[in-house]
Amino acid sequence: MSMIMNHDMTSIMGQRIMNKNSLAMKRSLEKLSTGLRTQIADLDNTAELAIGEVMRSRIYGMEKALNNSQDGVSLIQTAVGGLSQTQSMMNRMRELAVQAADDTLTQQDRSYIQVEIN
């Protein structure tokens, strides 16, 4: 009895290349984020220095944008919580209104219901 092993070589090669590119990108981002000099760039050149400053300001701007979006998410979560609370109060008011419409309650019971609604 023989055993056949199937390999998806295209997938394996694709994963290898993706991992290699991910590692290269990670190294490049580490160099950019720590301010290490690249081998090609000469920081004495003012144009390259300006490019570095623009990149730093863009990174700062992106960090601020991320903080702003997180603040927006928090604001929306707070609004959702408030709307949920309002919805539960409205549901309770509806329950009380249905209960008050029942003919078995006395006027005193209805006044207690009105106090709760108020």
PDB file of N, CA and C in Angstrom:
ATOM      1  N   MET A   1       0.840  -1.157   0.000  1.00  0.00           N
ATOM      2  CA  MET A   1       0.000   0.000   0.000  1.00  0.00           C
ATOM      3  C   MET A   1       0.896   1.235   0.000  1.00  0.00           C
ATOM      4  N   SER A   2       0.677   2.078  -0.968  1.00  0.00           N
ATOM      5  CA  SER A   2       1.534   3.257  -1.078  1.00  0.00           C
ATOM      6  C   SER A   2       0.786   4.482  -0.579  1.00  0.00           C
ATOM      7  N   MET A   3       1.559   5.433  -0.106  1.00  0.00           N
ATOM      8  CA  MET A   3       0.975   6.658   0.414  1.00  0.00           C
ATOM      9  C   MET A   3       1.338   7.802  -0.519  1.00  0.00           C
ATOM     10  N   ILE A   4       0.338   8.586  -0.874  1.00  0.00           N
ATOM     11  CA  ILE A   4       0.561   9.716  -1.768  1.00  0.00           C
ATOM     12  C   ILE A   4       0.490  10.994  -0.941  1.00  0.00           C
ATOM     13  N   MET A   5       1.478  11.841  -1.085  1.00  0.00           N
ATOM     14  CA  MET A   5       1.495  13.112  -0.370  1.00  0.00           C
ATOM     15  C   MET A   5       1.338  14.229  -1.394  1.00  0.00           C
ATOM     16  N   ASN A   6       0.347  15.044  -1.187  1.00  0.00           N
ATOM     17  CA  ASN A   6       0.117  16.178  -2.071  1.00  0.00           C
ATOM     18  C   ASN A   6       0.675  17.440  -1.427  1.00  0.00           C
ATOM     19  N   HIS A   7       1.320  18.242  -2.206  1.00  0.00           N
ATOM     20  CA  HIS A   7       1.872  19.514  -1.741  1.00  0.00           C
ATOM     21  C   HIS A   7       1.329  20.620  -2.618  1.00  0.00           C
ATOM     22  N   ASP A   8       0.993  21.698  -1.993  1.00  0.00           N
ATOM     23  CA  ASP A   8       0.598  22.889  -2.744  1.00  0.00           C
ATOM     24  C   ASP A   8       1.819  23.802  -2.766  1.00  0.00           C
ATOM     25  N   MET A   9       2.698  23.540  -3.719  1.00  0.00           N
ATOM     26  CA  MET A   9       3.967  24.267  -3.773  1.00  0.00           C
ATOM     27  C   MET A   9       3.756  25.759  -4.013  1.00  0.00           C
ATOM     28  N   THR A  10       2.732  26.098  -4.774  1.00  0.00           N
ATOM     29  CA  THR A  10       2.470  27.517  -5.012  1.00  0.00           C
ATOM     30  C   THR A  10       2.146  28.228  -3.704  1.00  0.00           C
ATOM     31  N   SER A  11       1.338  27.581  -2.891  1.00  0.00           N
ATOM     32  CA  SER A  11       0.980  28.168  -1.607  1.00  0.00           C
ATOM     33  C   SER A  11       2.198  28.260  -0.688  1.00  0.00           C
ATOM     34  N   ILE A  12       2.992  27.212  -0.652  1.00  0.00           N
ATOM     35  CA  ILE A  12       4.179  27.207   0.192  1.00  0.00           C
ATOM     36  C   ILE A  12       5.150  28.305  -0.230  1.00  0.00           C
ATOM     37  N   MET A  13       5.359  28.444  -1.520  1.00  0.00           N
ATOM     38  CA  MET A  13       6.262  29.499  -2.019  1.00  0.00           C
ATOM     39  C   MET A  13       5.683  30.879  -1.723  1.00  0.00           C
ATOM     40  N   GLY A  14       4.376  31.031  -1.905  1.00  0.00           N
ATOM     41  CA  GLY A  14       3.746  32.308  -1.624  1.00  0.00           C
ATOM     42  C   GLY A  14       3.889  32.698  -0.164  1.00  0.00           C
ATOM     43  N   GLN A  15       3.719  31.724   0.735  1.00  0.00           N
ATOM     44  CA  GLN A  15       3.876  31.998   2.165  1.00  0.00           C
ATOM     45  C   GLN A  15       5.311  32.368   2.497  1.00  0.00           C
ATOM     46  N   ARG A  16       6.267  31.693   1.877  1.00  0.00           N
ATOM     47  CA  ARG A  16       7.674  31.999   2.128  1.00  0.00           C
ATOM     48  C   ARG A  16       7.997  33.420   1.687  1.00  0.00           C
ATOM     49  N   ILE A  17       7.533  33.792   0.499  1.00  0.00           N
ATOM     50  CA  ILE A  17       7.796  35.137  -0.016  1.00  0.00           C
ATOM     51  C   ILE A  17       7.087  36.182   0.844  1.00  0.00           C
ATOM     52  N   MET A  18       5.852  35.886   1.269  1.00  0.00           N
ATOM     53  CA  MET A  18       5.122  36.822   2.114  1.00  0.00           C
ATOM     54  C   MET A  18       5.847  37.019   3.449  1.00  0.00           C
ATOM     55  N   ASN A  19       6.332  35.950   4.047  1.00  0.00           N
ATOM     56  CA  ASN A  19       7.067  36.066   5.309  1.00  0.00           C
ATOM     57  C   ASN A  19       8.349  36.863   5.131  1.00  0.00           C
ATOM     58  N   LYS A  20       9.041  36.626   4.010  1.00  0.00           N
ATOM     59  CA  LYS A  20      10.282  37.358   3.728  1.00  0.00           C
ATOM     60  C   LYS A  20       9.995  38.854   3.574  1.00  0.00           C
ATOM     61  N   ASN A  21       8.928  39.188   2.838  1.00  0.00           N
ATOM     62  CA  ASN A  21       8.570  40.598   2.642  1.00  0.00           C
ATOM     63  C   ASN A  21       8.081  41.237   3.937  1.00  0.00           C
ATOM     64  N   SER A  22       7.349  40.479   4.745  1.00  0.00           N
ATOM     65  CA  SER A  22       6.890  41.007   6.026  1.00  0.00           C
ATOM     66  C   SER A  22       8.064  41.334   6.937  1.00  0.00           C
ATOM     67  N   LEU A  23       9.061  40.458   6.953  1.00  0.00           N
ATOM     68  CA  LEU A  23      10.244  40.704   7.770  1.00  0.00           C
ATOM     69  C   LEU A  23      10.996  41.937   7.271  1.00  0.00           C
ATOM     70  N   ALA A  24      11.120  42.076   5.943  1.00  0.00           N
ATOM     71  CA  ALA A  24      11.808  43.243   5.392  1.00  0.00           C
ATOM     72  C   ALA A  24      11.046  44.527   5.724  1.00  0.00           C
ATOM     73  N   MET A  25       9.726  44.473   5.630  1.00  0.00           N
ATOM     74  CA  MET A  25       8.927  45.652   5.955  1.00  0.00           C
ATOM     75  C   MET A  25       9.046  45.984   7.439  1.00  0.00           C
ATOM     76  N   LYS A  26       9.052  44.969   8.281  1.00  0.00           N
ATOM     77  CA  LYS A  26       9.187  45.203   9.722  1.00  0.00           C
ATOM     78  C   LYS A  26      10.518  45.879  10.031  1.00  0.00           C
ATOM     79  N   ARG A  27      11.587  45.399   9.395  1.00  0.00           N
ATOM     80  CA  ARG A  27      12.902  46.015   9.628  1.00  0.00           C
ATOM     81  C   ARG A  27      12.924  47.461   9.152  1.00  0.00           C
ATOM     82  N   SER A  28      12.320  47.718   7.987  1.00  0.00           N
ATOM     83  CA  SER A  28      12.291  49.080   7.458  1.00  0.00           C
ATOM     84  C   SER A  28      11.511  50.006   8.377  1.00  0.00           C
ATOM     85  N   LEU A  29      10.362  49.532   8.877  1.00  0.00           N
ATOM     86  CA  LEU A  29       9.573  50.358   9.782  1.00  0.00           C
ATOM     87  C   LEU A  29      10.299  50.612  11.098  1.00  0.00           C
ATOM     88  N   GLU A  30      11.055  49.615  11.570  1.00  0.00           N
ATOM     89  CA  GLU A  30      11.841  49.832  12.783  1.00  0.00           C
ATOM     90  C   GLU A  30      12.897  50.904  12.559  1.00  0.00           C
ATOM     91  N   LYS A  31      13.541  50.857  11.391  1.00  0.00           N
ATOM     92  CA  LYS A  31      14.539  51.880  11.087  1.00  0.00           C
ATOM     93  C   LYS A  31      13.898  53.261  11.025  1.00  0.00           C
ATOM     94  N   LEU A  32      12.722  53.343  10.383  1.00  0.00           N
ATOM     95  CA  LEU A  32      12.060  54.637  10.260  1.00  0.00           C
ATOM     96  C   LEU A  32      11.584  55.153  11.611  1.00  0.00           C
ATOM     97  N   SER A  33      11.025  54.263  12.419  1.00  0.00           N
ATOM     98  CA  SER A  33      10.456  54.714  13.681  1.00  0.00           C
ATOM     99  C   SER A  33      11.518  55.082  14.705  1.00  0.00           C
ATOM    100  N   THR A  34      12.686  54.458  14.644  1.00  0.00           N
ATOM    101  CA  THR A  34      13.735  54.777  15.610  1.00  0.00           C
ATOM    102  C   THR A  34      14.648  55.882  15.120  1.00  0.00           C
ATOM    103  N   GLY A  35      14.502  56.272  13.858  1.00  0.00           N
ATOM    104  CA  GLY A  35      15.333  57.343  13.327  1.00  0.00           C
ATOM    105  C   GLY A  35      16.720  56.877  12.913  1.00  0.00           C
ATOM    106  N   LEU A  36      16.909  55.582  12.748  1.00  0.00           N
ATOM    107  CA  LEU A  36      18.208  55.094  12.296  1.00  0.00           C
ATOM    108  C   LEU A  36      18.471  55.548  10.876  1.00  0.00           C
ATOM    109  N   ARG A  37      19.705  55.809  10.589  1.00  0.00           N
ATOM    110  CA  ARG A  37      20.067  56.218   9.232  1.00  0.00           C
ATOM    111  C   ARG A  37      20.012  55.018   8.316  1.00  0.00           C
ATOM    112  N   THR A  38      19.475  55.246   7.169  1.00  0.00           N
ATOM    113  CA  THR A  38      19.529  54.191   6.166  1.00  0.00           C
ATOM    114  C   THR A  38      20.888  54.245   5.496  1.00  0.00           C
ATOM    115  N   GLN A  39      21.256  53.191   4.828  1.00  0.00           N
ATOM    116  CA  GLN A  39      22.581  53.140   4.224  1.00  0.00           C
ATOM    117  C   GLN A  39      22.698  54.096   3.050  1.00  0.00           C
ATOM    118  N   ILE A  40      21.588  54.387   2.388  1.00  0.00           N
ATOM    119  CA  ILE A  40      21.638  55.233   1.197  1.00  0.00           C
ATOM    120  C   ILE A  40      21.606  56.708   1.568  1.00  0.00           C
ATOM    121  N   ALA A  41      20.776  57.046   2.552  1.00  0.00           N
ATOM    122  CA  ALA A  41      20.552  58.451   2.864  1.00  0.00           C
ATOM    123  C   ALA A  41      21.739  59.063   3.591  1.00  0.00           C
ATOM    124  N   ASP A  42      22.033  60.284   3.242  1.00  0.00           N
ATOM    125  CA  ASP A  42      23.041  61.071   3.925  1.00  0.00           C
ATOM    126  C   ASP A  42      22.305  62.217   4.599  1.00  0.00           C
ATOM    127  N   LEU A  43      22.222  62.211   5.931  1.00  0.00           N
ATOM    128  CA  LEU A  43      21.423  63.190   6.640  1.00  0.00           C
ATOM    129  C   LEU A  43      22.006  64.594   6.579  1.00  0.00           C
ATOM    130  N   ASP A  44      23.209  64.734   6.053  1.00  0.00           N
ATOM    131  CA  ASP A  44      23.748  66.076   5.873  1.00  0.00           C
ATOM    132  C   ASP A  44      23.034  66.790   4.733  1.00  0.00           C
ATOM    133  N   ASN A  45      22.408  66.025   3.881  1.00  0.00           N
ATOM    134  CA  ASN A  45      21.665  66.604   2.772  1.00  0.00           C
ATOM    135  C   ASN A  45      20.351  67.168   3.315  1.00  0.00           C
ATOM    136  N   THR A  46      20.100  68.447   3.072  1.00  0.00           N
ATOM    137  CA  THR A  46      18.922  69.095   3.632  1.00  0.00           C
ATOM    138  C   THR A  46      17.627  68.544   3.063  1.00  0.00           C
ATOM    139  N   ALA A  47      17.631  68.106   1.812  1.00  0.00           N
ATOM    140  CA  ALA A  47      16.408  67.562   1.217  1.00  0.00           C
ATOM    141  C   ALA A  47      16.002  66.279   1.936  1.00  0.00           C
ATOM    142  N   GLU A  48      16.980  65.441   2.219  1.00  0.00           N
ATOM    143  CA  GLU A  48      16.668  64.192   2.909  1.00  0.00           C
ATOM    144  C   GLU A  48      16.252  64.456   4.355  1.00  0.00           C
ATOM    145  N   LEU A  49      16.845  65.449   4.968  1.00  0.00           N
ATOM    146  CA  LEU A  49      16.448  65.831   6.314  1.00  0.00           C
ATOM    147  C   LEU A  49      14.995  66.324   6.324  1.00  0.00           C
ATOM    148  N   ALA A  50      14.638  67.105   5.312  1.00  0.00           N
ATOM    149  CA  ALA A  50      13.265  67.597   5.208  1.00  0.00           C
ATOM    150  C   ALA A  50      12.299  66.435   5.007  1.00  0.00           C
ATOM    151  N   ILE A  51      12.686  65.459   4.208  1.00  0.00           N
ATOM    152  CA  ILE A  51      11.841  64.284   3.989  1.00  0.00           C
ATOM    153  C   ILE A  51      11.644  63.542   5.304  1.00  0.00           C
ATOM    154  N   GLY A  52      12.706  63.426   6.084  1.00  0.00           N
ATOM    155  CA  GLY A  52      12.599  62.771   7.387  1.00  0.00           C
ATOM    156  C   GLY A  52      11.654  63.504   8.325  1.00  0.00           C
ATOM    157  N   GLU A  53      11.725  64.834   8.304  1.00  0.00           N
ATOM    158  CA  GLU A  53      10.831  65.625   9.153  1.00  0.00           C
ATOM    159  C   GLU A  53       9.379  65.495   8.696  1.00  0.00           C
ATOM    160  N   VAL A  54       9.167  65.450   7.402  1.00  0.00           N
ATOM    161  CA  VAL A  54       7.811  65.265   6.882  1.00  0.00           C
ATOM    162  C   VAL A  54       7.275  63.910   7.320  1.00  0.00           C
ATOM    163  N   MET A  55       8.130  62.885   7.261  1.00  0.00           N
ATOM    164  CA  MET A  55       7.696  61.552   7.674  1.00  0.00           C
ATOM    165  C   MET A  55       7.372  61.531   9.164  1.00  0.00           C
ATOM    166  N   ARG A  56       8.178  62.210   9.976  1.00  0.00           N
ATOM    167  CA  ARG A  56       7.897  62.274  11.413  1.00  0.00           C
ATOM    168  C   ARG A  56       6.567  62.978  11.671  1.00  0.00           C
ATOM    169  N   SER A  57       6.341  64.068  10.963  1.00  0.00           N
ATOM    170  CA  SER A  57       5.079  64.796  11.172  1.00  0.00           C
ATOM    171  C   SER A  57       3.891  63.962  10.703  1.00  0.00           C
ATOM    172  N   ARG A  58       4.058  63.184   9.635  1.00  0.00           N
ATOM    173  CA  ARG A  58       2.967  62.312   9.189  1.00  0.00           C
ATOM    174  C   ARG A  58       2.688  61.216  10.214  1.00  0.00           C
ATOM    175  N   ILE A  59       3.744  60.664  10.784  1.00  0.00           N
ATOM    176  CA  ILE A  59       3.558  59.645  11.819  1.00  0.00           C
ATOM    177  C   ILE A  59       2.831  60.247  13.015  1.00  0.00           C
ATOM    178  N   TYR A  60       3.231  61.447  13.413  1.00  0.00           N
ATOM    179  CA  TYR A  60       2.563  62.131  14.526  1.00  0.00           C
ATOM    180  C   TYR A  60       1.095  62.377  14.195  1.00  0.00           C
ATOM    181  N   GLY A  61       0.839  62.811  12.962  1.00  0.00           N
ATOM    182  CA  GLY A  61      -0.540  63.050  12.532  1.00  0.00           C
ATOM    183  C   GLY A  61      -1.364  61.777  12.533  1.00  0.00           C
ATOM    184  N   MET A  62      -0.763  60.667  12.108  1.00  0.00           N
ATOM    185  CA  MET A  62      -1.481  59.394  12.105  1.00  0.00           C
ATOM    186  C   MET A  62      -1.778  58.924  13.528  1.00  0.00           C
ATOM    187  N   GLU A  63      -0.832  59.153  14.434  1.00  0.00           N
ATOM    188  CA  GLU A  63      -1.073  58.797  15.835  1.00  0.00           C
ATOM    189  C   GLU A  63      -2.226  59.620  16.405  1.00  0.00           C
ATOM    190  N   LYS A  64      -2.253  60.911  16.067  1.00  0.00           N
ATOM    191  CA  LYS A  64      -3.346  61.765  16.523  1.00  0.00           C
ATOM    192  C   LYS A  64      -4.665  61.316  15.913  1.00  0.00           C
ATOM    193  N   ALA A  65      -4.652  60.939  14.637  1.00  0.00           N
ATOM    194  CA  ALA A  65      -5.867  60.464  13.984  1.00  0.00           C
ATOM    195  C   ALA A  65      -6.373  59.192  14.655  1.00  0.00           C
ATOM    196  N   LEU A  66      -5.447  58.317  15.032  1.00  0.00           N
ATOM    197  CA  LEU A  66      -5.835  57.096  15.734  1.00  0.00           C
ATOM    198  C   LEU A  66      -6.465  57.433  17.083  1.00  0.00           C
ATOM    199  N   ASN A  67      -5.856  58.359  17.818  1.00  0.00           N
ATOM    200  CA  ASN A  67      -6.426  58.779  19.101  1.00  0.00           C
ATOM    201  C   ASN A  67      -7.809  59.401  18.913  1.00  0.00           C
ATOM    202  N   ASN A  68      -7.946  60.225  17.867  1.00  0.00           N
ATOM    203  CA  ASN A  68      -9.241  60.852  17.605  1.00  0.00           C
ATOM    204  C   ASN A  68     -10.301  59.804  17.263  1.00  0.00           C
ATOM    205  N   SER A  69      -9.920  58.804  16.477  1.00  0.00           N
ATOM    206  CA  SER A  69     -10.899  57.773  16.129  1.00  0.00           C
ATOM    207  C   SER A  69     -11.281  56.954  17.362  1.00  0.00           C
ATOM    208  N   GLN A  70     -10.328  56.696  18.246  1.00  0.00           N
ATOM    209  CA  GLN A  70     -10.658  55.990  19.482  1.00  0.00           C
ATOM    210  C   GLN A  70     -11.578  56.832  20.366  1.00  0.00           C
ATOM    211  N   ASP A  71     -11.358  58.144  20.395  1.00  0.00           N
ATOM    212  CA  ASP A  71     -12.254  59.029  21.139  1.00  0.00           C
ATOM    213  C   ASP A  71     -13.648  59.014  20.524  1.00  0.00           C
ATOM    214  N   GLY A  72     -13.721  58.967  19.195  1.00  0.00           N
ATOM    215  CA  GLY A  72     -15.010  58.899  18.519  1.00  0.00           C
ATOM    216  C   GLY A  72     -15.754  57.619  18.856  1.00  0.00           C
ATOM    217  N   VAL A  73     -15.022  56.508  18.898  1.00  0.00           N
ATOM    218  CA  VAL A  73     -15.644  55.235  19.269  1.00  0.00           C
ATOM    219  C   VAL A  73     -16.177  55.312  20.694  1.00  0.00           C
ATOM    220  N   SER A  74     -15.410  55.898  21.596  1.00  0.00           N
ATOM    221  CA  SER A  74     -15.868  56.042  22.984  1.00  0.00           C
ATOM    222  C   SER A  74     -17.116  56.906  23.062  1.00  0.00           C
ATOM    223  N   LEU A  75     -17.157  57.978  22.290  1.00  0.00           N
ATOM    224  CA  LEU A  75     -18.325  58.850  22.264  1.00  0.00           C
ATOM    225  C   LEU A  75     -19.556  58.100  21.776  1.00  0.00           C
ATOM    226  N   ILE A  76     -19.390  57.312  20.723  1.00  0.00           N
ATOM    227  CA  ILE A  76     -20.514  56.541  20.187  1.00  0.00           C
ATOM    228  C   ILE A  76     -20.973  55.496  21.188  1.00  0.00           C
ATOM    229  N   GLN A  77     -20.037  54.859  21.877  1.00  0.00           N
ATOM    230  CA  GLN A  77     -20.417  53.872  22.892  1.00  0.00           C
ATOM    231  C   GLN A  77     -21.202  54.538  24.030  1.00  0.00           C
ATOM    232  N   THR A  78     -20.804  55.742  24.408  1.00  0.00           N
ATOM    233  CA  THR A  78     -21.533  56.478  25.442  1.00  0.00           C
ATOM    234  C   THR A  78     -22.941  56.816  24.965  1.00  0.00           C
ATOM    235  N   ALA A  79     -23.050  57.249  23.701  1.00  0.00           N
ATOM    236  CA  ALA A  79     -24.364  57.570  23.149  1.00  0.00           C
ATOM    237  C   ALA A  79     -25.250  56.331  23.090  1.00  0.00           C
ATOM    238  N   VAL A  80     -24.677  55.200  22.703  1.00  0.00           N
ATOM    239  CA  VAL A  80     -25.444  53.956  22.646  1.00  0.00           C
ATOM    240  C   VAL A  80     -25.933  53.581  24.039  1.00  0.00           C
ATOM    241  N   GLY A  81     -25.090  53.744  25.043  1.00  0.00           N
ATOM    242  CA  GLY A  81     -25.500  53.463  26.416  1.00  0.00           C
ATOM    243  C   GLY A  81     -26.646  54.355  26.854  1.00  0.00           C
ATOM    244  N   GLY A  82     -26.577  55.640  26.505  1.00  0.00           N
ATOM    245  CA  GLY A  82     -27.649  56.570  26.847  1.00  0.00           C
ATOM    246  C   GLY A  82     -28.946  56.217  26.136  1.00  0.00           C
ATOM    247  N   LEU A  83     -28.844  55.863  24.848  1.00  0.00           N
ATOM    248  CA  LEU A  83     -30.045  55.476  24.111  1.00  0.00           C
ATOM    249  C   LEU A  83     -30.647  54.190  24.657  1.00  0.00           C
ATOM    250  N   SER A  84     -29.810  53.276  25.069  1.00  0.00           N
ATOM    251  CA  SER A  84     -30.301  52.029  25.660  1.00  0.00           C
ATOM    252  C   SER A  84     -31.056  52.314  26.944  1.00  0.00           C
ATOM    253  N   GLN A  85     -30.518  53.213  27.752  1.00  0.00           N
ATOM    254  CA  GLN A  85     -31.187  53.599  29.000  1.00  0.00           C
ATOM    255  C   GLN A  85     -32.522  54.271  28.705  1.00  0.00           C
ATOM    256  N   THR A  86     -32.544  55.157  27.701  1.00  0.00           N
ATOM    257  CA  THR A  86     -33.785  55.825  27.315  1.00  0.00           C
ATOM    258  C   THR A  86     -34.817  54.819  26.819  1.00  0.00           C
ATOM    259  N   GLN A  87     -34.346  53.850  26.041  1.00  0.00           N
ATOM    260  CA  GLN A  87     -35.252  52.818  25.533  1.00  0.00           C
ATOM    261  C   GLN A  87     -35.857  52.005  26.671  1.00  0.00           C
ATOM    262  N   SER A  88     -35.066  51.661  27.658  1.00  0.00           N
ATOM    263  CA  SER A  88     -35.600  50.891  28.779  1.00  0.00           C
ATOM    264  C   SER A  88     -36.609  51.719  29.582  1.00  0.00           C
ATOM    265  N   MET A  89     -36.369  53.036  29.716  1.00  0.00           N
ATOM    266  CA  MET A  89     -37.341  53.891  30.407  1.00  0.00           C
ATOM    267  C   MET A  89     -38.645  53.986  29.618  1.00  0.00           C
ATOM    268  N   MET A  90     -38.535  54.099  28.297  1.00  0.00           N
ATOM    269  CA  MET A  90     -39.735  54.164  27.460  1.00  0.00           C
ATOM    270  C   MET A  90     -40.519  52.858  27.529  1.00  0.00           C
ATOM    271  N   ASN A  91     -39.820  51.735  27.541  1.00  0.00           N
ATOM    272  CA  ASN A  91     -40.496  50.446  27.663  1.00  0.00           C
ATOM    273  C   ASN A  91     -41.238  50.352  28.997  1.00  0.00           C
ATOM    274  N   ARG A  92     -40.599  50.826  30.054  1.00  0.00           N
ATOM    275  CA  ARG A  92     -41.252  50.799  31.367  1.00  0.00           C
ATOM    276  C   ARG A  92     -42.475  51.707  31.383  1.00  0.00           C
ATOM    277  N   MET A  93     -42.377  52.882  30.752  1.00  0.00           N
ATOM    278  CA  MET A  93     -43.517  53.785  30.686  1.00  0.00           C
ATOM    279  C   MET A  93     -44.670  53.147  29.903  1.00  0.00           C
ATOM    280  N   ARG A  94     -44.347  52.431  28.846  1.00  0.00           N
ATOM    281  CA  ARG A  94     -45.387  51.741  28.077  1.00  0.00           C
ATOM    282  C   ARG A  94     -46.049  50.662  28.931  1.00  0.00           C
ATOM    283  N   GLU A  95     -45.236  49.899  29.661  1.00  0.00           N
ATOM    284  CA  GLU A  95     -45.794  48.874  30.545  1.00  0.00           C
ATOM    285  C   GLU A  95     -46.733  49.489  31.573  1.00  0.00           C
ATOM    286  N   LEU A  96     -46.313  50.618  32.136  1.00  0.00           N
ATOM    287  CA  LEU A  96     -47.145  51.288  33.139  1.00  0.00           C
ATOM    288  C   LEU A  96     -48.437  51.826  32.517  1.00  0.00           C
ATOM    289  N   ALA A  97     -48.335  52.338  31.280  1.00  0.00           N
ATOM    290  CA  ALA A  97     -49.532  52.857  30.617  1.00  0.00           C
ATOM    291  C   ALA A  97     -50.523  51.730  30.345  1.00  0.00           C
ATOM    292  N   VAL A  98     -50.041  50.582  29.913  1.00  0.00           N
ATOM    293  CA  VAL A  98     -50.919  49.428  29.681  1.00  0.00           C
ATOM    294  C   VAL A  98     -51.534  48.977  31.000  1.00  0.00           C
ATOM    295  N   GLN A  99     -50.736  48.984  32.037  1.00  0.00           N
ATOM    296  CA  GLN A  99     -51.220  48.573  33.353  1.00  0.00           C
ATOM    297  C   GLN A  99     -52.275  49.554  33.863  1.00  0.00           C
ATOM    298  N   ALA A 100     -52.052  50.853  33.637  1.00  0.00           N
ATOM    299  CA  ALA A 100     -52.999  51.866  34.108  1.00  0.00           C
ATOM    300  C   ALA A 100     -54.314  51.796  33.347  1.00  0.00           C
ATOM    301  N   ALA A 101     -54.282  51.315  32.105  1.00  0.00           N
ATOM    302  CA  ALA A 101     -55.496  51.217  31.305  1.00  0.00           C
ATOM    303  C   ALA A 101     -56.381  50.052  31.749  1.00  0.00           C
ATOM    304  N   ASP A 102     -55.857  49.205  32.603  1.00  0.00           N
ATOM    305  CA  ASP A 102     -56.634  48.065  33.106  1.00  0.00           C
ATOM    306  C   ASP A 102     -57.729  48.574  34.038  1.00  0.00           C
ATOM    307  N   ASP A 103     -58.938  48.027  33.888  1.00  0.00           N
ATOM    308  CA  ASP A 103     -60.060  48.494  34.699  1.00  0.00           C
ATOM    309  C   ASP A 103     -60.050  47.970  36.130  1.00  0.00           C
ATOM    310  N   THR A 104     -59.136  47.064  36.453  1.00  0.00           N
ATOM    311  CA  THR A 104     -59.118  46.506  37.809  1.00  0.00           C
ATOM    312  C   THR A 104     -58.403  47.403  38.801  1.00  0.00           C
ATOM    313  N   LEU A 105     -57.711  48.420  38.327  1.00  0.00           N
ATOM    314  CA  LEU A 105     -56.967  49.300  39.233  1.00  0.00           C
ATOM    315  C   LEU A 105     -57.863  50.403  39.770  1.00  0.00           C
ATOM    316  N   THR A 106     -57.548  50.824  40.971  1.00  0.00           N
ATOM    317  CA  THR A 106     -58.277  51.942  41.577  1.00  0.00           C
ATOM    318  C   THR A 106     -57.608  53.253  41.192  1.00  0.00           C
ATOM    319  N   GLN A 107     -58.266  54.336  41.521  1.00  0.00           N
ATOM    320  CA  GLN A 107     -57.680  55.647  41.227  1.00  0.00           C
ATOM    321  C   GLN A 107     -56.380  55.852  42.001  1.00  0.00           C
ATOM    322  N   GLN A 108     -56.307  55.322  43.216  1.00  0.00           N
ATOM    323  CA  GLN A 108     -55.087  55.405  44.021  1.00  0.00           C
ATOM    324  C   GLN A 108     -53.937  54.676  43.324  1.00  0.00           C
ATOM    325  N   ASP A 109     -54.212  53.471  42.756  1.00  0.00           N
ATOM    326  CA  ASP A 109     -53.180  52.717  42.035  1.00  0.00           C
ATOM    327  C   ASP A 109     -52.695  53.496  40.822  1.00  0.00           C
ATOM    328  N   ARG A 110     -53.637  54.131  40.129  1.00  0.00           N
ATOM    329  CA  ARG A 110     -53.258  54.919  38.942  1.00  0.00           C
ATOM    330  C   ARG A 110     -52.394  56.133  39.341  1.00  0.00           C
ATOM    331  N   SER A 111     -52.684  56.691  40.491  1.00  0.00           N
ATOM    332  CA  SER A 111     -51.869  57.837  40.930  1.00  0.00           C
ATOM    333  C   SER A 111     -50.442  57.397  41.261  1.00  0.00           C
ATOM    334  N   TYR A 112     -50.291  56.189  41.807  1.00  0.00           N
ATOM    335  CA  TYR A 112     -48.951  55.659  42.067  1.00  0.00           C
ATOM    336  C   TYR A 112     -48.193  55.422  40.747  1.00  0.00           C
ATOM    337  N   ILE A 113     -48.916  54.910  39.760  1.00  0.00           N
ATOM    338  CA  ILE A 113     -48.306  54.704  38.450  1.00  0.00           C
ATOM    339  C   ILE A 113     -47.869  56.036  37.862  1.00  0.00           C
ATOM    340  N   GLN A 114     -48.723  57.062  38.002  1.00  0.00           N
ATOM    341  CA  GLN A 114     -48.368  58.386  37.467  1.00  0.00           C
ATOM    342  C   GLN A 114     -47.147  58.953  38.177  1.00  0.00           C
ATOM    343  N   VAL A 115     -47.027  58.702  39.476  1.00  0.00           N
ATOM    344  CA  VAL A 115     -45.849  59.159  40.229  1.00  0.00           C
ATOM    345  C   VAL A 115     -44.595  58.503  39.665  1.00  0.00           C
ATOM    346  N   GLU A 116     -44.669  57.208  39.389  1.00  0.00           N
ATOM    347  CA  GLU A 116     -43.505  56.514  38.829  1.00  0.00           C
ATOM    348  C   GLU A 116     -43.157  57.047  37.442  1.00  0.00           C
ATOM    349  N   ILE A 117     -44.155  57.321  36.626  1.00  0.00           N
ATOM    350  CA  ILE A 117     -43.891  57.861  35.298  1.00  0.00           C
ATOM    351  C   ILE A 117     -43.243  59.226  35.398  1.00  0.00           C
ATOM    352  N   ASN A 118     -43.750  60.054  36.306  1.00  0.00           N
ATOM    353  CA  ASN A 118     -43.157  61.407  36.467  1.00  0.00           C
ATOM    354  C   ASN A 118     -41.737  61.304  36.964  1.00  0.00           C
TER     355      ASN A 118
END
